[in-house]
Amino acid sequence: MGNVNNLVVDVENGAVDGLFVGETNPLLVEGGRAVSVPYRWIQSVGDIVILRYFPKRVSLKKPAAAVPAMVPEK
């Protein structure tokens, strides 16, 4: 699928949420874009990562309309 570049970590709970995979296979991920694979999809981790689940093909979502950022008042 690609090379694992980083971990996605939930700092508050001290848990790994997923793996960040860069330079993915364009046959599996549209445009060969980087994706975050949820940890619940991972079966085992070693020199290679074995997934218990992955969709047949990942397509890019259309960008949503821009939503103004919420800035806290001081």
PDB file of N, CA and C in Angstrom:
ATOM      1  N   MET A   1       0.816  -1.188   0.000  1.00  0.00           N
ATOM      2  CA  MET A   1       0.000   0.000   0.000  1.00  0.00           C
ATOM      3  C   MET A   1       0.857   1.248   0.000  1.00  0.00           C
ATOM      4  N   GLY A   2       1.918   1.256   0.813  1.00  0.00           N
ATOM      5  CA  GLY A   2       2.778   2.428   0.891  1.00  0.00           C
ATOM      6  C   GLY A   2       3.720   2.318   2.068  1.00  0.00           C
ATOM      7  N   ASN A   3       4.423   3.396   2.351  1.00  0.00           N
ATOM      8  CA  ASN A   3       5.375   3.426   3.465  1.00  0.00           C
ATOM      9  C   ASN A   3       4.784   4.192   4.639  1.00  0.00           C
ATOM     10  N   VAL A   4       4.909   3.610   5.821  1.00  0.00           N
ATOM     11  CA  VAL A   4       4.447   4.289   7.034  1.00  0.00           C
ATOM     12  C   VAL A   4       5.419   5.413   7.338  1.00  0.00           C
ATOM     13  N   ASN A   5       4.883   6.643   7.418  1.00  0.00           N
ATOM     14  CA  ASN A   5       5.725   7.804   7.684  1.00  0.00           C
ATOM     15  C   ASN A   5       5.667   8.254   9.131  1.00  0.00           C
ATOM     16  N   ASN A   6       4.536   8.011   9.803  1.00  0.00           N
ATOM     17  CA  ASN A   6       4.361   8.536  11.141  1.00  0.00           C
ATOM     18  C   ASN A   6       3.208   7.830  11.829  1.00  0.00           C
ATOM     19  N   LEU A   7       3.082   8.094  13.110  1.00  0.00           N
ATOM     20  CA  LEU A   7       1.944   7.602  13.886  1.00  0.00           C
ATOM     21  C   LEU A   7       0.970   8.748  14.120  1.00  0.00           C
ATOM     22  N   VAL A   8      -0.304   8.420  14.198  1.00  0.00           N
ATOM     23  CA  VAL A   8      -1.319   9.383  14.611  1.00  0.00           C
ATOM     24  C   VAL A   8      -1.607   9.056  16.068  1.00  0.00           C
ATOM     25  N   VAL A   9      -1.286   9.999  16.972  1.00  0.00           N
ATOM     26  CA  VAL A   9      -1.348   9.724  18.407  1.00  0.00           C
ATOM     27  C   VAL A   9      -2.395  10.593  19.081  1.00  0.00           C
ATOM     28  N   ASP A  10      -3.190   9.974  19.950  1.00  0.00           N
ATOM     29  CA  ASP A  10      -4.121  10.693  20.814  1.00  0.00           C
ATOM     30  C   ASP A  10      -3.338  11.003  22.084  1.00  0.00           C
ATOM     31  N   VAL A  11      -2.819  12.217  22.170  1.00  0.00           N
ATOM     32  CA  VAL A  11      -1.933  12.603  23.271  1.00  0.00           C
ATOM     33  C   VAL A  11      -2.663  12.567  24.608  1.00  0.00           C
ATOM     34  N   GLU A  12      -3.917  13.003  24.632  1.00  0.00           N
ATOM     35  CA  GLU A  12      -4.674  13.035  25.893  1.00  0.00           C
ATOM     36  C   GLU A  12      -4.828  11.655  26.505  1.00  0.00           C
ATOM     37  N   ASN A  13      -5.081  10.646  25.661  1.00  0.00           N
ATOM     38  CA  ASN A  13      -5.289   9.282  26.166  1.00  0.00           C
ATOM     39  C   ASN A  13      -4.036   8.422  26.088  1.00  0.00           C
ATOM     40  N   GLY A  14      -2.962   8.953  25.478  1.00  0.00           N
ATOM     41  CA  GLY A  14      -1.723   8.193  25.361  1.00  0.00           C
ATOM     42  C   GLY A  14      -1.874   6.950  24.520  1.00  0.00           C
ATOM     43  N   ALA A  15      -2.630   7.048  23.414  1.00  0.00           N
ATOM     44  CA  ALA A  15      -2.884   5.877  22.574  1.00  0.00           C
ATOM     45  C   ALA A  15      -2.615   6.208  21.103  1.00  0.00           C
ATOM     46  N   VAL A  16      -2.242   5.184  20.345  1.00  0.00           N
ATOM     47  CA  VAL A  16      -2.050   5.338  18.906  1.00  0.00           C
ATOM     48  C   VAL A  16      -3.416   5.233  18.239  1.00  0.00           C
ATOM     49  N   ASP A  17      -3.771   6.254  17.443  1.00  0.00           N
ATOM     50  CA  ASP A  17      -5.043   6.247  16.713  1.00  0.00           C
ATOM     51  C   ASP A  17      -4.904   5.637  15.328  1.00  0.00           C
ATOM     52  N   GLY A  18      -3.713   5.689  14.761  1.00  0.00           N
ATOM     53  CA  GLY A  18      -3.541   5.149  13.421  1.00  0.00           C
ATOM     54  C   GLY A  18      -2.128   5.348  12.911  1.00  0.00           C
ATOM     55  N   LEU A  19      -1.945   4.964  11.649  1.00  0.00           N
ATOM     56  CA  LEU A  19      -0.669   5.120  10.978  1.00  0.00           C
ATOM     57  C   LEU A  19      -0.846   6.063   9.803  1.00  0.00           C
ATOM     58  N   PHE A  20       0.121   6.958   9.613  1.00  0.00           N
ATOM     59  CA  PHE A  20       0.100   7.878   8.486  1.00  0.00           C
ATOM     60  C   PHE A  20       0.962   7.261   7.396  1.00  0.00           C
ATOM     61  N   VAL A  21       0.328   6.959   6.254  1.00  0.00           N
ATOM     62  CA  VAL A  21       1.019   6.293   5.154  1.00  0.00           C
ATOM     63  C   VAL A  21       1.181   7.275   4.000  1.00  0.00           C
ATOM     64  N   GLY A  22       2.412   7.522   3.603  1.00  0.00           N
ATOM     65  CA  GLY A  22       2.687   8.427   2.496  1.00  0.00           C
ATOM     66  C   GLY A  22       3.022   7.656   1.238  1.00  0.00           C
ATOM     67  N   GLU A  23       2.980   8.336   0.108  1.00  0.00           N
ATOM     68  CA  GLU A  23       3.311   7.738  -1.181  1.00  0.00           C
ATOM     69  C   GLU A  23       2.613   6.399  -1.364  1.00  0.00           C
ATOM     70  N   THR A  24       1.291   6.423  -1.321  1.00  0.00           N
ATOM     71  CA  THR A  24       0.513   5.199  -1.438  1.00  0.00           C
ATOM     72  C   THR A  24       0.428   4.733  -2.888  1.00  0.00           C
ATOM     73  N   ASN A  25       0.023   3.499  -3.060  1.00  0.00           N
ATOM     74  CA  ASN A  25      -0.160   2.906  -4.381  1.00  0.00           C
ATOM     75  C   ASN A  25      -1.381   3.534  -5.046  1.00  0.00           C
ATOM     76  N   PRO A  26      -1.223   4.167  -6.215  1.00  0.00           N
ATOM     77  CA  PRO A  26      -2.359   4.815  -6.878  1.00  0.00           C
ATOM     78  C   PRO A  26      -3.464   3.845  -7.294  1.00  0.00           C
ATOM     79  N   LEU A  27      -3.168   2.552  -7.335  1.00  0.00           N
ATOM     80  CA  LEU A  27      -4.219   1.567  -7.628  1.00  0.00           C
ATOM     81  C   LEU A  27      -5.153   1.380  -6.440  1.00  0.00           C
ATOM     82  N   LEU A  28      -4.659   1.712  -5.245  1.00  0.00           N
ATOM     83  CA  LEU A  28      -5.459   1.572  -4.024  1.00  0.00           C
ATOM     84  C   LEU A  28      -6.005   2.897  -3.523  1.00  0.00           C
ATOM     85  N   VAL A  29      -5.217   3.968  -3.678  1.00  0.00           N
ATOM     86  CA  VAL A  29      -5.611   5.285  -3.178  1.00  0.00           C
ATOM     87  C   VAL A  29      -5.522   6.283  -4.336  1.00  0.00           C
ATOM     88  N   GLU A  30      -6.637   6.936  -4.617  1.00  0.00           N
ATOM     89  CA  GLU A  30      -6.705   7.873  -5.729  1.00  0.00           C
ATOM     90  C   GLU A  30      -5.563   8.891  -5.670  1.00  0.00           C
ATOM     91  N   GLY A  31      -4.828   8.994  -6.754  1.00  0.00           N
ATOM     92  CA  GLY A  31      -3.745   9.969  -6.843  1.00  0.00           C
ATOM     93  C   GLY A  31      -2.509   9.618  -6.034  1.00  0.00           C
ATOM     94  N   GLY A  32      -2.475   8.429  -5.415  1.00  0.00           N
ATOM     95  CA  GLY A  32      -1.323   8.052  -4.601  1.00  0.00           C
ATOM     96  C   GLY A  32      -1.120   8.953  -3.404  1.00  0.00           C
ATOM     97  N   ARG A  33      -2.216   9.577  -2.940  1.00  0.00           N
ATOM     98  CA  ARG A  33      -2.151  10.527  -1.826  1.00  0.00           C
ATOM     99  C   ARG A  33      -1.838   9.825  -0.505  1.00  0.00           C
ATOM    100  N   ALA A  34      -1.347  10.595   0.438  1.00  0.00           N
ATOM    101  CA  ALA A  34      -1.085  10.084   1.785  1.00  0.00           C
ATOM    102  C   ALA A  34      -2.412   9.887   2.510  1.00  0.00           C
ATOM    103  N   VAL A  35      -2.490   8.852   3.335  1.00  0.00           N
ATOM    104  CA  VAL A  35      -3.711   8.569   4.093  1.00  0.00           C
ATOM    105  C   VAL A  35      -3.359   8.200   5.531  1.00  0.00           C
ATOM    106  N   SER A  36      -4.341   8.351   6.397  1.00  0.00           N
ATOM    107  CA  SER A  36      -4.228   7.898   7.776  1.00  0.00           C
ATOM    108  C   SER A  36      -5.065   6.628   7.901  1.00  0.00           C
ATOM    109  N   VAL A  37      -4.424   5.547   8.292  1.00  0.00           N
ATOM    110  CA  VAL A  37      -5.106   4.258   8.450  1.00  0.00           C
ATOM    111  C   VAL A  37      -5.465   4.093   9.921  1.00  0.00           C
ATOM    112  N   PRO A  38      -6.764   3.956  10.243  1.00  0.00           N
ATOM    113  CA  PRO A  38      -7.163   3.786  11.644  1.00  0.00           C
ATOM    114  C   PRO A  38      -6.523   2.546  12.275  1.00  0.00           C
ATOM    115  N   TYR A  39      -6.119   2.670  13.522  1.00  0.00           N
ATOM    116  CA  TYR A  39      -5.445   1.565  14.212  1.00  0.00           C
ATOM    117  C   TYR A  39      -6.316   0.316  14.289  1.00  0.00           C
ATOM    118  N   ARG A  40      -7.624   0.488  14.333  1.00  0.00           N
ATOM    119  CA  ARG A  40      -8.521  -0.678  14.421  1.00  0.00           C
ATOM    120  C   ARG A  40      -8.462  -1.540  13.159  1.00  0.00           C
ATOM    121  N   TRP A  41      -7.931  -1.006  12.053  1.00  0.00           N
ATOM    122  CA  TRP A  41      -7.785  -1.776  10.807  1.00  0.00           C
ATOM    123  C   TRP A  41      -6.495  -2.591  10.782  1.00  0.00           C
ATOM    124  N   ILE A  42      -5.612  -2.398  11.762  1.00  0.00           N
ATOM    125  CA  ILE A  42      -4.295  -3.031  11.761  1.00  0.00           C
ATOM    126  C   ILE A  42      -4.340  -4.340  12.535  1.00  0.00           C
ATOM    127  N   GLN A  43      -3.796  -5.388  11.906  1.00  0.00           N
ATOM    128  CA  GLN A  43      -3.761  -6.694  12.547  1.00  0.00           C
ATOM    129  C   GLN A  43      -2.453  -6.904  13.292  1.00  0.00           C
ATOM    130  N   SER A  44      -1.315  -6.586  12.643  1.00  0.00           N
ATOM    131  CA  SER A  44      -0.033  -6.747  13.308  1.00  0.00           C
ATOM    132  C   SER A  44       0.985  -5.747  12.748  1.00  0.00           C
ATOM    133  N   VAL A  45       1.994  -5.446  13.583  1.00  0.00           N
ATOM    134  CA  VAL A  45       3.024  -4.485  13.212  1.00  0.00           C
ATOM    135  C   VAL A  45       4.378  -5.123  13.460  1.00  0.00           C
ATOM    136  N   GLY A  46       5.241  -5.022  12.473  1.00  0.00           N
ATOM    137  CA  GLY A  46       6.614  -5.518  12.567  1.00  0.00           C
ATOM    138  C   GLY A  46       7.405  -4.793  11.500  1.00  0.00           C
ATOM    139  N   ASP A  47       8.268  -5.531  10.788  1.00  0.00           N
ATOM    140  CA  ASP A  47       8.964  -4.930   9.651  1.00  0.00           C
ATOM    141  C   ASP A  47       7.958  -4.523   8.584  1.00  0.00           C
ATOM    142  N   ILE A  48       6.848  -5.245   8.528  1.00  0.00           N
ATOM    143  CA  ILE A  48       5.728  -4.886   7.658  1.00  0.00           C
ATOM    144  C   ILE A  48       4.471  -4.777   8.520  1.00  0.00           C
ATOM    145  N   VAL A  49       3.500  -4.044   8.024  1.00  0.00           N
ATOM    146  CA  VAL A  49       2.230  -3.887   8.739  1.00  0.00           C
ATOM    147  C   VAL A  49       1.181  -4.691   7.979  1.00  0.00           C
ATOM    148  N   ILE A  50       0.463  -5.539   8.694  1.00  0.00           N
ATOM    149  CA  ILE A  50      -0.601  -6.341   8.096  1.00  0.00           C
ATOM    150  C   ILE A  50      -1.936  -5.745   8.519  1.00  0.00           C
ATOM    151  N   LEU A  51      -2.752  -5.431   7.518  1.00  0.00           N
ATOM    152  CA  LEU A  51      -4.072  -4.861   7.785  1.00  0.00           C
ATOM    153  C   LEU A  51      -5.119  -5.954   7.804  1.00  0.00           C
ATOM    154  N   ARG A  52      -6.064  -5.845   8.735  1.00  0.00           N
ATOM    155  CA  ARG A  52      -7.191  -6.771   8.750  1.00  0.00           C
ATOM    156  C   ARG A  52      -8.300  -6.273   7.840  1.00  0.00           C
ATOM    157  N   TYR A  53      -8.260  -4.965   7.520  1.00  0.00           N
ATOM    158  CA  TYR A  53      -9.269  -4.363   6.651  1.00  0.00           C
ATOM    159  C   TYR A  53      -8.670  -3.186   5.906  1.00  0.00           C
ATOM    160  N   PHE A  54      -9.078  -3.030   4.665  1.00  0.00           N
ATOM    161  CA  PHE A  54      -8.807  -1.826   3.890  1.00  0.00           C
ATOM    162  C   PHE A  54      -9.811  -1.818   2.747  1.00  0.00           C
ATOM    163  N   PRO A  55     -10.423  -0.648   2.462  1.00  0.00           N
ATOM    164  CA  PRO A  55     -11.404  -0.607   1.375  1.00  0.00           C
ATOM    165  C   PRO A  55     -10.758  -0.987   0.040  1.00  0.00           C
ATOM    166  N   LYS A  56     -11.574  -1.431  -0.911  1.00  0.00           N
ATOM    167  CA  LYS A  56     -11.048  -1.823  -2.221  1.00  0.00           C
ATOM    168  C   LYS A  56     -10.310  -0.672  -2.890  1.00  0.00           C
ATOM    169  N   ARG A  57     -10.834   0.531  -2.750  1.00  0.00           N
ATOM    170  CA  ARG A  57     -10.182   1.719  -3.320  1.00  0.00           C
ATOM    171  C   ARG A  57     -10.610   2.930  -2.516  1.00  0.00           C
ATOM    172  N   VAL A  58      -9.668   3.835  -2.253  1.00  0.00           N
ATOM    173  CA  VAL A  58      -9.946   5.060  -1.519  1.00  0.00           C
ATOM    174  C   VAL A  58     -10.027   6.202  -2.520  1.00  0.00           C
ATOM    175  N   SER A  59     -11.161   6.916  -2.519  1.00  0.00           N
ATOM    176  CA  SER A  59     -11.347   8.066  -3.396  1.00  0.00           C
ATOM    177  C   SER A  59     -11.298   9.340  -2.577  1.00  0.00           C
ATOM    178  N   LEU A  60     -10.880  10.418  -3.216  1.00  0.00           N
ATOM    179  CA  LEU A  60     -10.822  11.705  -2.541  1.00  0.00           C
ATOM    180  C   LEU A  60     -12.211  12.303  -2.449  1.00  0.00           C
ATOM    181  N   LYS A  61     -12.499  12.917  -1.319  1.00  0.00           N
ATOM    182  CA  LYS A  61     -13.769  13.611  -1.138  1.00  0.00           C
ATOM    183  C   LYS A  61     -13.688  14.976  -1.786  1.00  0.00           C
ATOM    184  N   LYS A  62     -14.824  15.469  -2.240  1.00  0.00           N
ATOM    185  CA  LYS A  62     -14.896  16.830  -2.752  1.00  0.00           C
ATOM    186  C   LYS A  62     -14.727  17.763  -1.558  1.00  0.00           C
ATOM    187  N   PRO A  63     -13.964  18.864  -1.708  1.00  0.00           N
ATOM    188  CA  PRO A  63     -13.787  19.781  -0.575  1.00  0.00           C
ATOM    189  C   PRO A  63     -15.113  20.408  -0.159  1.00  0.00           C
ATOM    190  N   ALA A  64     -15.338  20.462   1.130  1.00  0.00           N
ATOM    191  CA  ALA A  64     -16.552  21.078   1.673  1.00  0.00           C
ATOM    192  C   ALA A  64     -16.420  22.592   1.605  1.00  0.00           C
ATOM    193  N   ALA A  65     -17.542  23.273   1.650  1.00  0.00           N
ATOM    194  CA  ALA A  65     -17.527  24.737   1.661  1.00  0.00           C
ATOM    195  C   ALA A  65     -16.751  25.211   2.882  1.00  0.00           C
ATOM    196  N   ALA A  66     -15.996  26.255   2.707  1.00  0.00           N
ATOM    197  CA  ALA A  66     -15.172  26.775   3.803  1.00  0.00           C
ATOM    198  C   ALA A  66     -16.055  27.248   4.949  1.00  0.00           C
ATOM    199  N   VAL A  67     -15.683  26.850   6.136  1.00  0.00           N
ATOM    200  CA  VAL A  67     -16.394  27.255   7.344  1.00  0.00           C
ATOM    201  C   VAL A  67     -15.475  28.180   8.113  1.00  0.00           C
ATOM    202  N   PRO A  68     -15.948  29.362   8.507  1.00  0.00           N
ATOM    203  CA  PRO A  68     -15.076  30.277   9.252  1.00  0.00           C
ATOM    204  C   PRO A  68     -14.581  29.638  10.547  1.00  0.00           C
ATOM    205  N   ALA A  69     -13.320  29.875  10.847  1.00  0.00           N
ATOM    206  CA  ALA A  69     -12.739  29.335  12.076  1.00  0.00           C
ATOM    207  C   ALA A  69     -13.309  30.032  13.288  1.00  0.00           C
ATOM    208  N   MET A  70     -13.518  29.277  14.343  1.00  0.00           N
ATOM    209  CA  MET A  70     -14.006  29.827  15.600  1.00  0.00           C
ATOM    210  C   MET A  70     -12.790  30.293  16.404  1.00  0.00           C
ATOM    211  N   VAL A  71     -12.778  31.539  16.783  1.00  0.00           N
ATOM    212  CA  VAL A  71     -11.683  32.090  17.576  1.00  0.00           C
ATOM    213  C   VAL A  71     -12.234  32.444  18.944  1.00  0.00           C
ATOM    214  N   PRO A  72     -11.655  31.854  20.012  1.00  0.00           N
ATOM    215  CA  PRO A  72     -12.165  32.153  21.348  1.00  0.00           C
ATOM    216  C   PRO A  72     -11.982  33.625  21.710  1.00  0.00           C
ATOM    217  N   GLU A  73     -12.963  34.186  22.391  1.00  0.00           N
ATOM    218  CA  GLU A  73     -12.867  35.574  22.841  1.00  0.00           C
ATOM    219  C   GLU A  73     -11.991  35.642  24.074  1.00  0.00           C
ATOM    220  N   LYS A  74     -11.310  36.767  24.231  1.00  0.00           N
ATOM    221  CA  LYS A  74     -10.437  36.933  25.410  1.00  0.00           C
ATOM    222  C   LYS A  74     -11.114  37.768  26.444  1.00  0.00           C
TER     223      LYS A  74
END
